[in-house]
Amino acid sequence: MINLSIHDIKPGMVLARPVRNPQGVLLLEAGARISKKNIRIFKSWGVVEVTVKGQMSQAEDRPGDTQYRAKESVEQELKEKFRDVLDDPVMVEIYNAASKLLMRDLQHYGSENEPS
């Protein structure tokens, strides 16, 4: 199994685990083949990582990489959404609050989905 950032998945990959949004709603069952439409849906629902069937080399499978990539992904998406309004101090505060909440949710969601 391979944990991949939402930005690294490709159509045709097969899910090793079900994909749920941060609120726990099932988006796609394990064993399903991922399509372009699925990827768009995952992104729109805030999914930052999925587990697909396959293997990685040991060099690619470093602990913490997935969490780091997910954090970068969230930051990048937020910056994109707020890019035209960050000159307003109120919007900067909203951006900071959104970032904190998303990071908290990301950590909470990631810890719930770690293998036992």
PDB file of N, CA and C in Angstrom:
ATOM      1  N   MET A   1       0.840  -1.187   0.000  1.00  0.00           N
ATOM      2  CA  MET A   1       0.000   0.000   0.000  1.00  0.00           C
ATOM      3  C   MET A   1       0.878   1.240   0.000  1.00  0.00           C
ATOM      4  N   ILE A   2       0.361   2.269  -0.654  1.00  0.00           N
ATOM      5  CA  ILE A   2       1.098   3.526  -0.754  1.00  0.00           C
ATOM      6  C   ILE A   2       0.172   4.668  -0.334  1.00  0.00           C
ATOM      7  N   ASN A   3       0.604   5.485   0.604  1.00  0.00           N
ATOM      8  CA  ASN A   3      -0.124   6.707   0.953  1.00  0.00           C
ATOM      9  C   ASN A   3       0.368   7.805   0.035  1.00  0.00           C
ATOM     10  N   LEU A   4      -0.565   8.430  -0.687  1.00  0.00           N
ATOM     11  CA  LEU A   4      -0.198   9.482  -1.624  1.00  0.00           C
ATOM     12  C   LEU A   4      -0.980  10.755  -1.354  1.00  0.00           C
ATOM     13  N   SER A   5      -0.311  11.874  -1.559  1.00  0.00           N
ATOM     14  CA  SER A   5      -0.976  13.168  -1.531  1.00  0.00           C
ATOM     15  C   SER A   5      -2.001  13.192  -2.653  1.00  0.00           C
ATOM     16  N   ILE A   6      -3.069  13.924  -2.475  1.00  0.00           N
ATOM     17  CA  ILE A   6      -4.107  14.046  -3.493  1.00  0.00           C
ATOM     18  C   ILE A   6      -3.521  14.539  -4.812  1.00  0.00           C
ATOM     19  N   HIS A   7      -2.422  15.282  -4.744  1.00  0.00           N
ATOM     20  CA  HIS A   7      -1.798  15.824  -5.948  1.00  0.00           C
ATOM     21  C   HIS A   7      -0.940  14.795  -6.672  1.00  0.00           C
ATOM     22  N   ASP A   8      -0.684  13.661  -6.033  1.00  0.00           N
ATOM     23  CA  ASP A   8       0.157  12.627  -6.634  1.00  0.00           C
ATOM     24  C   ASP A   8      -0.627  11.448  -7.189  1.00  0.00           C
ATOM     25  N   ILE A   9      -1.933  11.403  -6.939  1.00  0.00           N
ATOM     26  CA  ILE A   9      -2.691  10.268  -7.453  1.00  0.00           C
ATOM     27  C   ILE A   9      -3.024  10.476  -8.925  1.00  0.00           C
ATOM     28  N   LYS A  10      -3.171   9.366  -9.625  1.00  0.00           N
ATOM     29  CA  LYS A  10      -3.431   9.384 -11.066  1.00  0.00           C
ATOM     30  C   LYS A  10      -4.639   8.508 -11.372  1.00  0.00           C
ATOM     31  N   PRO A  11      -5.387   8.858 -12.410  1.00  0.00           N
ATOM     32  CA  PRO A  11      -6.486   7.990 -12.830  1.00  0.00           C
ATOM     33  C   PRO A  11      -5.951   6.589 -13.139  1.00  0.00           C
ATOM     34  N   GLY A  12      -6.740   5.593 -12.747  1.00  0.00           N
ATOM     35  CA  GLY A  12      -6.348   4.213 -12.985  1.00  0.00           C
ATOM     36  C   GLY A  12      -5.768   3.527 -11.757  1.00  0.00           C
ATOM     37  N   MET A  13      -5.305   4.308 -10.776  1.00  0.00           N
ATOM     38  CA  MET A  13      -4.812   3.701  -9.539  1.00  0.00           C
ATOM     39  C   MET A  13      -5.987   3.055  -8.810  1.00  0.00           C
ATOM     40  N   VAL A  14      -5.685   2.024  -8.013  1.00  0.00           N
ATOM     41  CA  VAL A  14      -6.719   1.294  -7.278  1.00  0.00           C
ATOM     42  C   VAL A  14      -6.584   1.586  -5.789  1.00  0.00           C
ATOM     43  N   LEU A  15      -7.706   1.931  -5.162  1.00  0.00           N
ATOM     44  CA  LEU A  15      -7.694   2.260  -3.738  1.00  0.00           C
ATOM     45  C   LEU A  15      -7.460   1.022  -2.877  1.00  0.00           C
ATOM     46  N   ALA A  16      -6.566   1.155  -1.912  1.00  0.00           N
ATOM     47  CA  ALA A  16      -6.326   0.088  -0.950  1.00  0.00           C
ATOM     48  C   ALA A  16      -7.224   0.257   0.279  1.00  0.00           C
ATOM     49  N   ARG A  17      -7.653   1.483   0.518  1.00  0.00           N
ATOM     50  CA  ARG A  17      -8.543   1.791   1.638  1.00  0.00           C
ATOM     51  C   ARG A  17      -9.646   2.711   1.132  1.00  0.00           C
ATOM     52  N   PRO A  18     -10.796   2.694   1.799  1.00  0.00           N
ATOM     53  CA  PRO A  18     -11.866   3.608   1.386  1.00  0.00           C
ATOM     54  C   PRO A  18     -11.421   5.060   1.581  1.00  0.00           C
ATOM     55  N   VAL A  19     -11.987   5.946   0.779  1.00  0.00           N
ATOM     56  CA  VAL A  19     -11.686   7.375   0.893  1.00  0.00           C
ATOM     57  C   VAL A  19     -12.880   8.048   1.552  1.00  0.00           C
ATOM     58  N   ARG A  20     -12.583   8.783   2.608  1.00  0.00           N
ATOM     59  CA  ARG A  20     -13.613   9.532   3.332  1.00  0.00           C
ATOM     60  C   ARG A  20     -13.198  10.995   3.398  1.00  0.00           C
ATOM     61  N   ASN A  21     -14.185  11.873   3.429  1.00  0.00           N
ATOM     62  CA  ASN A  21     -13.862  13.282   3.591  1.00  0.00           C
ATOM     63  C   ASN A  21     -13.519  13.533   5.060  1.00  0.00           C
ATOM     64  N   PRO A  22     -13.047  14.730   5.414  1.00  0.00           N
ATOM     65  CA  PRO A  22     -12.660  14.995   6.805  1.00  0.00           C
ATOM     66  C   PRO A  22     -13.795  14.816   7.822  1.00  0.00           C
ATOM     67  N   GLN A  23     -15.040  14.846   7.353  1.00  0.00           N
ATOM     68  CA  GLN A  23     -16.173  14.632   8.256  1.00  0.00           C
ATOM     69  C   GLN A  23     -16.533  13.151   8.368  1.00  0.00           C
ATOM     70  N   GLY A  24     -15.844  12.284   7.620  1.00  0.00           N
ATOM     71  CA  GLY A  24     -16.077  10.847   7.710  1.00  0.00           C
ATOM     72  C   GLY A  24     -17.033  10.278   6.685  1.00  0.00           C
ATOM     73  N   VAL A  25     -17.523  11.090   5.770  1.00  0.00           N
ATOM     74  CA  VAL A  25     -18.454  10.618   4.746  1.00  0.00           C
ATOM     75  C   VAL A  25     -17.684   9.802   3.705  1.00  0.00           C
ATOM     76  N   LEU A  26     -18.194   8.604   3.403  1.00  0.00           N
ATOM     77  CA  LEU A  26     -17.556   7.730   2.420  1.00  0.00           C
ATOM     78  C   LEU A  26     -17.689   8.332   1.023  1.00  0.00           C
ATOM     79  N   LEU A  27     -16.564   8.494   0.341  1.00  0.00           N
ATOM     80  CA  LEU A  27     -16.560   9.015  -1.020  1.00  0.00           C
ATOM     81  C   LEU A  27     -16.334   7.921  -2.050  1.00  0.00           C
ATOM     82  N   LEU A  28     -15.498   6.912  -1.712  1.00  0.00           N
ATOM     83  CA  LEU A  28     -15.220   5.827  -2.645  1.00  0.00           C
ATOM     84  C   LEU A  28     -14.693   4.628  -1.871  1.00  0.00           C
ATOM     85  N   GLU A  29     -15.204   3.454  -2.210  1.00  0.00           N
ATOM     86  CA  GLU A  29     -14.845   2.212  -1.517  1.00  0.00           C
ATOM     87  C   GLU A  29     -13.435   1.746  -1.869  1.00  0.00           C
ATOM     88  N   ALA A  30     -12.838   0.970  -0.965  1.00  0.00           N
ATOM     89  CA  ALA A  30     -11.560   0.310  -1.244  1.00  0.00           C
ATOM     90  C   ALA A  30     -11.760  -0.638  -2.424  1.00  0.00           C
ATOM     91  N   GLY A  31     -10.736  -0.762  -3.263  1.00  0.00           N
ATOM     92  CA  GLY A  31     -10.801  -1.636  -4.433  1.00  0.00           C
ATOM     93  C   GLY A  31     -11.278  -0.942  -5.692  1.00  0.00           C
ATOM     94  N   ALA A  32     -11.798   0.272  -5.544  1.00  0.00           N
ATOM     95  CA  ALA A  32     -12.280   1.016  -6.711  1.00  0.00           C
ATOM     96  C   ALA A  32     -11.108   1.608  -7.487  1.00  0.00           C
ATOM     97  N   ARG A  33     -11.271   1.669  -8.802  1.00  0.00           N
ATOM     98  CA  ARG A  33     -10.270   2.301  -9.665  1.00  0.00           C
ATOM     99  C   ARG A  33     -10.574   3.798  -9.704  1.00  0.00           C
ATOM    100  N   ILE A  34      -9.554   4.621  -9.481  1.00  0.00           N
ATOM    101  CA  ILE A  34      -9.710   6.075  -9.404  1.00  0.00           C
ATOM    102  C   ILE A  34      -9.827   6.670 -10.807  1.00  0.00           C
ATOM    103  N   SER A  35     -10.789   7.572 -10.971  1.00  0.00           N
ATOM    104  CA  SER A  35     -10.970   8.286 -12.238  1.00  0.00           C
ATOM    105  C   SER A  35     -10.628   9.771 -12.045  1.00  0.00           C
ATOM    106  N   LYS A  36     -10.561  10.510 -13.142  1.00  0.00           N
ATOM    107  CA  LYS A  36     -10.331  11.959 -13.045  1.00  0.00           C
ATOM    108  C   LYS A  36     -11.447  12.615 -12.235  1.00  0.00           C
ATOM    109  N   LYS A  37     -12.674  12.153 -12.455  1.00  0.00           N
ATOM    110  CA  LYS A  37     -13.816  12.701 -11.726  1.00  0.00           C
ATOM    111  C   LYS A  37     -13.660  12.453 -10.227  1.00  0.00           C
ATOM    112  N   ASN A  38     -13.213  11.245  -9.844  1.00  0.00           N
ATOM    113  CA  ASN A  38     -12.989  10.951  -8.426  1.00  0.00           C
ATOM    114  C   ASN A  38     -11.974  11.912  -7.828  1.00  0.00           C
ATOM    115  N   ILE A  39     -10.904  12.191  -8.550  1.00  0.00           N
ATOM    116  CA  ILE A  39      -9.864  13.095  -8.051  1.00  0.00           C
ATOM    117  C   ILE A  39     -10.444  14.484  -7.812  1.00  0.00           C
ATOM    118  N   ARG A  40     -11.258  14.975  -8.750  1.00  0.00           N
ATOM    119  CA  ARG A  40     -11.898  16.284  -8.572  1.00  0.00           C
ATOM    120  C   ARG A  40     -12.806  16.283  -7.342  1.00  0.00           C
ATOM    121  N   ILE A  41     -13.552  15.198  -7.167  1.00  0.00           N
ATOM    122  CA  ILE A  41     -14.451  15.097  -6.014  1.00  0.00           C
ATOM    123  C   ILE A  41     -13.655  15.072  -4.711  1.00  0.00           C
ATOM    124  N   PHE A  42     -12.571  14.297  -4.685  1.00  0.00           N
ATOM    125  CA  PHE A  42     -11.734  14.237  -3.482  1.00  0.00           C
ATOM    126  C   PHE A  42     -11.239  15.633  -3.115  1.00  0.00           C
ATOM    127  N   LYS A  43     -10.733  16.359  -4.110  1.00  0.00           N
ATOM    128  CA  LYS A  43     -10.216  17.705  -3.851  1.00  0.00           C
ATOM    129  C   LYS A  43     -11.312  18.630  -3.343  1.00  0.00           C
ATOM    130  N   SER A  44     -12.492  18.554  -3.963  1.00  0.00           N
ATOM    131  CA  SER A  44     -13.577  19.455  -3.560  1.00  0.00           C
ATOM    132  C   SER A  44     -14.069  19.155  -2.150  1.00  0.00           C
ATOM    133  N   TRP A  45     -13.920  17.910  -1.686  1.00  0.00           N
ATOM    134  CA  TRP A  45     -14.338  17.538  -0.341  1.00  0.00           C
ATOM    135  C   TRP A  45     -13.223  17.685   0.684  1.00  0.00           C
ATOM    136  N   GLY A  46     -12.051  18.134   0.283  1.00  0.00           N
ATOM    137  CA  GLY A  46     -10.975  18.386   1.234  1.00  0.00           C
ATOM    138  C   GLY A  46     -10.118  17.181   1.567  1.00  0.00           C
ATOM    139  N   VAL A  47     -10.195  16.133   0.746  1.00  0.00           N
ATOM    140  CA  VAL A  47      -9.341  14.964   0.968  1.00  0.00           C
ATOM    141  C   VAL A  47      -7.916  15.360   0.598  1.00  0.00           C
ATOM    142  N   VAL A  48      -6.958  15.057   1.456  1.00  0.00           N
ATOM    143  CA  VAL A  48      -5.571  15.442   1.197  1.00  0.00           C
ATOM    144  C   VAL A  48      -4.671  14.247   0.904  1.00  0.00           C
ATOM    145  N   GLU A  49      -5.167  13.043   1.200  1.00  0.00           N
ATOM    146  CA  GLU A  49      -4.332  11.854   1.038  1.00  0.00           C
ATOM    147  C   GLU A  49      -5.216  10.632   0.810  1.00  0.00           C
ATOM    148  N   VAL A  50      -4.744   9.710  -0.029  1.00  0.00           N
ATOM    149  CA  VAL A  50      -5.425   8.437  -0.222  1.00  0.00           C
ATOM    150  C   VAL A  50      -4.398   7.317  -0.163  1.00  0.00           C
ATOM    151  N   THR A  51      -4.877   6.103   0.075  1.00  0.00           N
ATOM    152  CA  THR A  51      -4.010   4.934   0.095  1.00  0.00           C
ATOM    153  C   THR A  51      -4.362   4.063  -1.097  1.00  0.00           C
ATOM    154  N   VAL A  52      -3.367   3.818  -1.948  1.00  0.00           N
ATOM    155  CA  VAL A  52      -3.586   3.022  -3.151  1.00  0.00           C
ATOM    156  C   VAL A  52      -2.799   1.722  -3.065  1.00  0.00           C
ATOM    157  N   LYS A  53      -3.195   0.764  -3.900  1.00  0.00           N
ATOM    158  CA  LYS A  53      -2.480  -0.502  -3.941  1.00  0.00           C
ATOM    159  C   LYS A  53      -1.163  -0.311  -4.664  1.00  0.00           C
ATOM    160  N   GLY A  54      -0.144  -1.016  -4.218  1.00  0.00           N
ATOM    161  CA  GLY A  54       1.175  -0.929  -4.823  1.00  0.00           C
ATOM    162  C   GLY A  54       2.227  -0.869  -3.747  1.00  0.00           C
ATOM    163  N   GLN A  55       3.479  -0.677  -4.179  1.00  0.00           N
ATOM    164  CA  GLN A  55       4.590  -0.595  -3.244  1.00  0.00           C
ATOM    165  C   GLN A  55       5.491   0.560  -3.625  1.00  0.00           C
ATOM    166  N   MET A  56       6.129   1.137  -2.611  1.00  0.00           N
ATOM    167  CA  MET A  56       7.118   2.188  -2.823  1.00  0.00           C
ATOM    168  C   MET A  56       8.487   1.639  -2.466  1.00  0.00           C
ATOM    169  N   SER A  57       9.506   2.230  -3.039  1.00  0.00           N
ATOM    170  CA  SER A  57      10.850   1.854  -2.614  1.00  0.00           C
ATOM    171  C   SER A  57      11.082   2.449  -1.234  1.00  0.00           C
ATOM    172  N   GLN A  58      12.028   1.913  -0.484  1.00  0.00           N
ATOM    173  CA  GLN A  58      12.283   2.420   0.863  1.00  0.00           C
ATOM    174  C   GLN A  58      12.708   3.874   0.845  1.00  0.00           C
ATOM    175  N   ALA A  59      13.388   4.296  -0.201  1.00  0.00           N
ATOM    176  CA  ALA A  59      13.833   5.683  -0.287  1.00  0.00           C
ATOM    177  C   ALA A  59      12.651   6.641  -0.375  1.00  0.00           C
ATOM    178  N   GLU A  60      11.549   6.191  -1.002  1.00  0.00           N
ATOM    179  CA  GLU A  60      10.387   7.060  -1.142  1.00  0.00           C
ATOM    180  C   GLU A  60       9.489   7.024   0.081  1.00  0.00           C
ATOM    181  N   ASP A  61       9.565   5.971   0.873  1.00  0.00           N
ATOM    182  CA  ASP A  61       8.639   5.756   1.972  1.00  0.00           C
ATOM    183  C   ASP A  61       9.232   6.215   3.303  1.00  0.00           C
ATOM    184  N   ARG A  62       9.451   7.517   3.427  1.00  0.00           N
ATOM    185  CA  ARG A  62      10.024   8.058   4.656  1.00  0.00           C
ATOM    186  C   ARG A  62       8.911   8.512   5.586  1.00  0.00           C
ATOM    187  N   PRO A  63       9.005   8.188   6.867  1.00  0.00           N
ATOM    188  CA  PRO A  63       7.973   8.624   7.810  1.00  0.00           C
ATOM    189  C   PRO A  63       7.855  10.144   7.813  1.00  0.00           C
ATOM    190  N   GLY A  64       6.638  10.633   7.872  1.00  0.00           N
ATOM    191  CA  GLY A  64       6.404  12.069   7.934  1.00  0.00           C
ATOM    192  C   GLY A  64       6.281  12.749   6.588  1.00  0.00           C
ATOM    193  N   ASP A  65       6.729  12.109   5.506  1.00  0.00           N
ATOM    194  CA  ASP A  65       6.641  12.727   4.189  1.00  0.00           C
ATOM    195  C   ASP A  65       5.207  13.023   3.793  1.00  0.00           C
ATOM    196  N   THR A  66       4.318  12.072   4.028  1.00  0.00           N
ATOM    197  CA  THR A  66       2.930  12.248   3.630  1.00  0.00           C
ATOM    198  C   THR A  66       2.297  13.393   4.391  1.00  0.00           C
ATOM    199  N   GLN A  67       2.529  13.452   5.687  1.00  0.00           N
ATOM    200  CA  GLN A  67       1.974  14.532   6.496  1.00  0.00           C
ATOM    201  C   GLN A  67       2.531  15.879   6.044  1.00  0.00           C
ATOM    202  N   TYR A  68       3.821  15.918   5.731  1.00  0.00           N
ATOM    203  CA  TYR A  68       4.452  17.155   5.266  1.00  0.00           C
ATOM    204  C   TYR A  68       3.844  17.596   3.937  1.00  0.00           C
ATOM    205  N   ARG A  69       3.692  16.630   2.996  1.00  0.00           N
ATOM    206  CA  ARG A  69       3.103  16.963   1.694  1.00  0.00           C
ATOM    207  C   ARG A  69       1.663  17.427   1.848  1.00  0.00           C
ATOM    208  N   ALA A  70       0.927  16.794   2.747  1.00  0.00           N
ATOM    209  CA  ALA A  70      -0.467  17.188   2.971  1.00  0.00           C
ATOM    210  C   ALA A  70      -0.531  18.614   3.513  1.00  0.00           C
ATOM    211  N   LYS A  71       0.353  18.935   4.452  1.00  0.00           N
ATOM    212  CA  LYS A  71       0.388  20.286   5.022  1.00  0.00           C
ATOM    213  C   LYS A  71       0.723  21.310   3.938  1.00  0.00           C
ATOM    214  N   GLU A  72       1.708  20.983   3.107  1.00  0.00           N
ATOM    215  CA  GLU A  72       2.065  21.875   2.006  1.00  0.00           C
ATOM    216  C   GLU A  72       0.894  22.074   1.053  1.00  0.00           C
ATOM    217  N   SER A  73       0.181  21.003   0.786  1.00  0.00           N
ATOM    218  CA  SER A  73      -0.961  21.053  -0.120  1.00  0.00           C
ATOM    219  C   SER A  73      -2.044  21.977   0.423  1.00  0.00           C
ATOM    220  N   VAL A  74      -2.345  21.858   1.718  1.00  0.00           N
ATOM    221  CA  VAL A  74      -3.359  22.707   2.334  1.00  0.00           C
ATOM    222  C   VAL A  74      -2.918  24.162   2.275  1.00  0.00           C
ATOM    223  N   GLU A  75      -1.675  24.428   2.617  1.00  0.00           N
ATOM    224  CA  GLU A  75      -1.166  25.803   2.587  1.00  0.00           C
ATOM    225  C   GLU A  75      -1.229  26.379   1.172  1.00  0.00           C
ATOM    226  N   GLN A  76      -0.858  25.579   0.189  1.00  0.00           N
ATOM    227  CA  GLN A  76      -0.867  26.042  -1.194  1.00  0.00           C
ATOM    228  C   GLN A  76      -2.289  26.370  -1.654  1.00  0.00           C
ATOM    229  N   GLU A  77      -3.242  25.496  -1.327  1.00  0.00           N
ATOM    230  CA  GLU A  77      -4.626  25.748  -1.723  1.00  0.00           C
ATOM    231  C   GLU A  77      -5.194  26.986  -1.041  1.00  0.00           C
ATOM    232  N   LEU A  78      -4.882  27.170   0.237  1.00  0.00           N
ATOM    233  CA  LEU A  78      -5.355  28.365   0.941  1.00  0.00           C
ATOM    234  C   LEU A  78      -4.775  29.633   0.330  1.00  0.00           C
ATOM    235  N   LYS A  79      -3.483  29.620   0.068  1.00  0.00           N
ATOM    236  CA  LYS A  79      -2.852  30.800  -0.531  1.00  0.00           C
ATOM    237  C   LYS A  79      -3.487  31.130  -1.877  1.00  0.00           C
ATOM    238  N   GLU A  80      -3.814  30.096  -2.644  1.00  0.00           N
ATOM    239  CA  GLU A  80      -4.451  30.306  -3.946  1.00  0.00           C
ATOM    240  C   GLU A  80      -5.826  30.954  -3.775  1.00  0.00           C
ATOM    241  N   LYS A  81      -6.586  30.465  -2.805  1.00  0.00           N
ATOM    242  CA  LYS A  81      -7.939  30.992  -2.596  1.00  0.00           C
ATOM    243  C   LYS A  81      -7.934  32.411  -2.036  1.00  0.00           C
ATOM    244  N   PHE A  82      -6.921  32.764  -1.266  1.00  0.00           N
ATOM    245  CA  PHE A  82      -6.858  34.072  -0.621  1.00  0.00           C
ATOM    246  C   PHE A  82      -5.918  35.051  -1.336  1.00  0.00           C
ATOM    247  N   ARG A  83      -5.365  34.659  -2.455  1.00  0.00           N
ATOM    248  CA  ARG A  83      -4.296  35.442  -3.081  1.00  0.00           C
ATOM    249  C   ARG A  83      -4.679  36.891  -3.402  1.00  0.00           C
ATOM    250  N   ASP A  84      -5.937  37.141  -3.714  1.00  0.00           N
ATOM    251  CA  ASP A  84      -6.338  38.485  -4.108  1.00  0.00           C
ATOM    252  C   ASP A  84      -6.786  39.374  -2.955  1.00  0.00           C
ATOM    253  N   VAL A  85      -6.813  38.824  -1.732  1.00  0.00           N
ATOM    254  CA  VAL A  85      -7.363  39.604  -0.619  1.00  0.00           C
ATOM    255  C   VAL A  85      -6.418  39.721   0.573  1.00  0.00           C
ATOM    256  N   LEU A  86      -5.203  39.225   0.442  1.00  0.00           N
ATOM    257  CA  LEU A  86      -4.299  39.222   1.596  1.00  0.00           C
ATOM    258  C   LEU A  86      -3.703  40.592   1.919  1.00  0.00           C
ATOM    259  N   ASP A  87      -4.101  41.615   1.192  1.00  0.00           N
ATOM    260  CA  ASP A  87      -3.668  42.957   1.555  1.00  0.00           C
ATOM    261  C   ASP A  87      -4.632  43.578   2.577  1.00  0.00           C
ATOM    262  N   ASP A  88      -5.747  42.912   2.846  1.00  0.00           N
ATOM    263  CA  ASP A  88      -6.730  43.354   3.830  1.00  0.00           C
ATOM    264  C   ASP A  88      -6.447  42.650   5.162  1.00  0.00           C
ATOM    265  N   PRO A  89      -6.197  43.403   6.242  1.00  0.00           N
ATOM    266  CA  PRO A  89      -5.866  42.799   7.533  1.00  0.00           C
ATOM    267  C   PRO A  89      -6.948  41.838   8.055  1.00  0.00           C
ATOM    268  N   VAL A  90      -8.206  42.125   7.790  1.00  0.00           N
ATOM    269  CA  VAL A  90      -9.286  41.236   8.228  1.00  0.00           C
ATOM    270  C   VAL A  90      -9.179  39.900   7.497  1.00  0.00           C
ATOM    271  N   MET A  91      -8.906  39.944   6.198  1.00  0.00           N
ATOM    272  CA  MET A  91      -8.788  38.717   5.422  1.00  0.00           C
ATOM    273  C   MET A  91      -7.556  37.917   5.839  1.00  0.00           C
ATOM    274  N   VAL A  92      -6.512  38.599   6.255  1.00  0.00           N
ATOM    275  CA  VAL A  92      -5.320  37.901   6.764  1.00  0.00           C
ATOM    276  C   VAL A  92      -5.690  37.125   8.021  1.00  0.00           C
ATOM    277  N   GLU A  93      -6.482  37.724   8.906  1.00  0.00           N
ATOM    278  CA  GLU A  93      -6.921  37.026  10.117  1.00  0.00           C
ATOM    279  C   GLU A  93      -7.801  35.822   9.774  1.00  0.00           C
ATOM    280  N   ILE A  94      -8.683  35.986   8.789  1.00  0.00           N
ATOM    281  CA  ILE A  94      -9.526  34.865   8.358  1.00  0.00           C
ATOM    282  C   ILE A  94      -8.663  33.760   7.756  1.00  0.00           C
ATOM    283  N   TYR A  95      -7.687  34.152   6.958  1.00  0.00           N
ATOM    284  CA  TYR A  95      -6.749  33.187   6.372  1.00  0.00           C
ATOM    285  C   TYR A  95      -6.017  32.409   7.474  1.00  0.00           C
ATOM    286  N   ASN A  96      -5.509  33.124   8.477  1.00  0.00           N
ATOM    287  CA  ASN A  96      -4.789  32.478   9.578  1.00  0.00           C
ATOM    288  C   ASN A  96      -5.698  31.517  10.351  1.00  0.00           C
ATOM    289  N   ALA A  97      -6.935  31.940  10.609  1.00  0.00           N
ATOM    290  CA  ALA A  97      -7.876  31.075  11.324  1.00  0.00           C
ATOM    291  C   ALA A  97      -8.203  29.831  10.495  1.00  0.00           C
ATOM    292  N   ALA A  98      -8.430  30.008   9.206  1.00  0.00           N
ATOM    293  CA  ALA A  98      -8.725  28.871   8.327  1.00  0.00           C
ATOM    294  C   ALA A  98      -7.545  27.912   8.282  1.00  0.00           C
ATOM    295  N   SER A  99      -6.351  28.460   8.216  1.00  0.00           N
ATOM    296  CA  SER A  99      -5.155  27.621   8.187  1.00  0.00           C
ATOM    297  C   SER A  99      -5.035  26.785   9.451  1.00  0.00           C
ATOM    298  N   LYS A 100      -5.248  27.413  10.610  1.00  0.00           N
ATOM    299  CA  LYS A 100      -5.160  26.690  11.882  1.00  0.00           C
ATOM    300  C   LYS A 100      -6.201  25.573  11.951  1.00  0.00           C
ATOM    301  N   LEU A 101      -7.430  25.879  11.547  1.00  0.00           N
ATOM    302  CA  LEU A 101      -8.497  24.875  11.591  1.00  0.00           C
ATOM    303  C   LEU A 101      -8.214  23.714  10.635  1.00  0.00           C
ATOM    304  N   LEU A 102      -7.768  24.037   9.437  1.00  0.00           N
ATOM    305  CA  LEU A 102      -7.478  22.975   8.472  1.00  0.00           C
ATOM    306  C   LEU A 102      -6.324  22.099   8.934  1.00  0.00           C
ATOM    307  N   MET A 103      -5.302  22.698   9.519  1.00  0.00           N
ATOM    308  CA  MET A 103      -4.169  21.911  10.018  1.00  0.00           C
ATOM    309  C   MET A 103      -4.607  21.021  11.177  1.00  0.00           C
ATOM    310  N   ARG A 104      -5.445  21.558  12.048  1.00  0.00           N
ATOM    311  CA  ARG A 104      -5.957  20.748  13.156  1.00  0.00           C
ATOM    312  C   ARG A 104      -6.773  19.569  12.629  1.00  0.00           C
ATOM    313  N   ASP A 105      -7.654  19.851  11.665  1.00  0.00           N
ATOM    314  CA  ASP A 105      -8.471  18.788  11.081  1.00  0.00           C
ATOM    315  C   ASP A 105      -7.600  17.773  10.359  1.00  0.00           C
ATOM    316  N   LEU A 106      -6.579  18.241   9.679  1.00  0.00           N
ATOM    317  CA  LEU A 106      -5.665  17.351   8.960  1.00  0.00           C
ATOM    318  C   LEU A 106      -4.967  16.414   9.937  1.00  0.00           C
ATOM    319  N   GLN A 107      -4.481  16.950  11.054  1.00  0.00           N
ATOM    320  CA  GLN A 107      -3.815  16.112  12.049  1.00  0.00           C
ATOM    321  C   GLN A 107      -4.790  15.123  12.676  1.00  0.00           C
ATOM    322  N   HIS A 108      -5.994  15.584  12.977  1.00  0.00           N
ATOM    323  CA  HIS A 108      -7.008  14.716  13.573  1.00  0.00           C
ATOM    324  C   HIS A 108      -7.416  13.621  12.595  1.00  0.00           C
ATOM    325  N   TYR A 109      -7.666  13.981  11.348  1.00  0.00           N
ATOM    326  CA  TYR A 109      -8.069  13.021  10.325  1.00  0.00           C
ATOM    327  C   TYR A 109      -6.952  12.027  10.052  1.00  0.00           C
ATOM    328  N   GLY A 110      -5.719  12.499   9.999  1.00  0.00           N
ATOM    329  CA  GLY A 110      -4.587  11.617   9.748  1.00  0.00           C
ATOM    330  C   GLY A 110      -4.367  10.620  10.869  1.00  0.00           C
ATOM    331  N   SER A 111      -4.534  11.038  12.111  1.00  0.00           N
ATOM    332  CA  SER A 111      -4.328  10.128  13.231  1.00  0.00           C
ATOM    333  C   SER A 111      -5.424   9.085  13.314  1.00  0.00           C
ATOM    334  N   GLU A 112      -6.639   9.411  12.857  1.00  0.00           N
ATOM    335  CA  GLU A 112      -7.735   8.430  12.859  1.00  0.00           C
ATOM    336  C   GLU A 112      -7.525   7.346  11.819  1.00  0.00           C
ATOM    337  N   ASN A 113      -6.821   7.665  10.746  1.00  0.00           N
ATOM    338  CA  ASN A 113      -6.674   6.729   9.638  1.00  0.00           C
ATOM    339  C   ASN A 113      -5.349   5.976   9.630  1.00  0.00           C
ATOM    340  N   GLU A 114      -4.551   6.149  10.680  1.00  0.00           N
ATOM    341  CA  GLU A 114      -3.302   5.405  10.756  1.00  0.00           C
ATOM    342  C   GLU A 114      -3.597   3.951  11.070  1.00  0.00           C
ATOM    343  N   PRO A 115      -2.841   3.021  10.463  1.00  0.00           N
ATOM    344  CA  PRO A 115      -3.071   1.619  10.757  1.00  0.00           C
ATOM    345  C   PRO A 115      -2.807   1.317  12.235  1.00  0.00           C
ATOM    346  N   SER A 116      -3.622   0.433  12.820  1.00  0.00           N
ATOM    347  CA  SER A 116      -3.471   0.081  14.231  1.00  0.00           C
ATOM    348  C   SER A 116      -2.498  -1.047  14.404  1.00  0.00           C
TER     349      SER A 116
END
